[in-house]
């Protein structure tokens, strides 16, 4: 979750394999004390990048697949 590129790669692979997302739980999280400034590969402050931006991007990339599950009417398997 520290690289936007890895999130995009995962989302692409997921969408090729599955046609919907029944449930998406964004549960990754870190806490890096502010004794030293850490940044992600993309230049975001580490806590913000991992705890918020990565979740937002993943949800955005999979949103159509989440909507597909809501409108399918089929129970989860």
Protein backbone atom coordinates (compact mmCIF):
# COMPACT_ATOMS: atom_id res chain seq x y z
CA UNK A 1 0.00 0.00 0.00
CA UNK A 2 3.05 2.28 -0.15
CA UNK A 3 3.16 2.45 -3.94
CA UNK A 4 0.37 3.68 -6.20
CA UNK A 5 1.88 1.61 -9.01
CA UNK A 6 1.51 -1.61 -6.98
CA UNK A 7 -2.10 -0.74 -6.19
CA UNK A 8 -2.85 -0.20 -9.87
CA UNK A 9 -1.13 -3.51 -10.73
CA UNK A 10 -3.19 -5.34 -8.12
CA UNK A 11 -6.46 -3.74 -9.27
CA UNK A 12 -5.76 -4.65 -12.92
CA UNK A 13 -4.97 -8.27 -12.00
CA UNK A 14 -8.08 -8.46 -9.80
CA UNK A 15 -10.35 -7.11 -12.54
CA UNK A 16 -8.99 -9.63 -15.04
CA UNK A 17 -9.74 -12.50 -12.70
CA UNK A 18 -13.04 -11.46 -11.08
CA UNK A 19 -16.17 -9.74 -12.38
CA UNK A 20 -17.24 -8.14 -9.09
CA UNK A 21 -16.23 -7.26 -5.53
CA UNK A 22 -18.72 -8.50 -2.96
CA UNK A 23 -17.07 -6.66 -0.08
CA UNK A 24 -14.06 -4.36 0.15
CA UNK A 25 -12.45 -3.80 3.54
CA UNK A 26 -9.67 -1.23 3.51
CA UNK A 27 -7.75 -2.35 6.58
CA UNK A 28 -4.07 -1.61 5.97
CA UNK A 29 -2.60 0.94 8.28
CA UNK A 30 0.67 2.18 9.72
CA UNK A 31 1.86 4.68 12.26
CA UNK A 32 5.30 6.14 11.79
CA UNK A 33 6.26 8.57 14.59
CA UNK A 34 7.24 12.00 13.38
CA UNK A 35 10.84 11.88 14.64
CA UNK A 36 11.93 11.60 11.02
CA UNK A 37 9.95 12.44 7.86
CA UNK A 38 9.18 9.28 5.91
CA UNK A 39 7.63 9.43 2.44
CA UNK A 40 6.17 6.81 0.14
CA UNK A 41 7.65 5.98 -3.25
CA UNK A 42 5.23 8.54 -4.71
CA UNK A 43 6.35 11.30 -2.33
CA UNK A 44 3.41 11.34 0.09
CA UNK A 45 3.96 11.54 3.83
CA UNK A 46 4.02 7.86 4.85
CA UNK A 47 1.04 7.77 7.23
CA UNK A 48 -1.16 9.73 4.81
CA UNK A 49 -0.08 7.67 1.80
CA UNK A 50 -0.68 4.26 3.36
CA UNK A 51 -3.65 5.03 5.60
CA UNK A 52 -5.69 7.21 3.25
CA UNK A 53 -4.47 7.77 -0.31
CA UNK A 54 -3.84 4.09 -1.05
CA UNK A 55 -7.31 3.10 0.21
CA UNK A 56 -8.94 5.86 -1.81
CA UNK A 57 -7.15 4.79 -5.00
CA UNK A 58 -7.94 1.10 -4.54
CA UNK A 59 -11.61 1.85 -3.93
CA UNK A 60 -11.74 4.15 -6.96
CA UNK A 61 -10.11 1.54 -9.20
CA UNK A 62 -12.50 -1.20 -8.05
CA UNK A 63 -15.64 0.91 -7.77
CA UNK A 64 -17.28 -0.46 -10.93
CA UNK A 65 -16.71 -3.99 -9.65
CA UNK A 66 -18.23 -3.04 -6.28
CA UNK A 67 -21.27 -1.60 -8.04
CA UNK A 68 -21.56 -4.76 -10.16
CA UNK A 69 -21.96 -6.83 -6.99
CA UNK A 70 -24.67 -4.53 -5.64
CA UNK A 71 -26.70 -4.75 -8.83
CA UNK A 72 -26.20 -8.45 -9.54
CA UNK A 73 -28.84 -9.66 -7.10
CA UNK A 74 -26.85 -12.84 -6.51
CA UNK A 75 -25.81 -13.88 -3.02
CA UNK A 76 -22.10 -13.95 -2.19
CA UNK A 77 -20.38 -17.31 -2.52
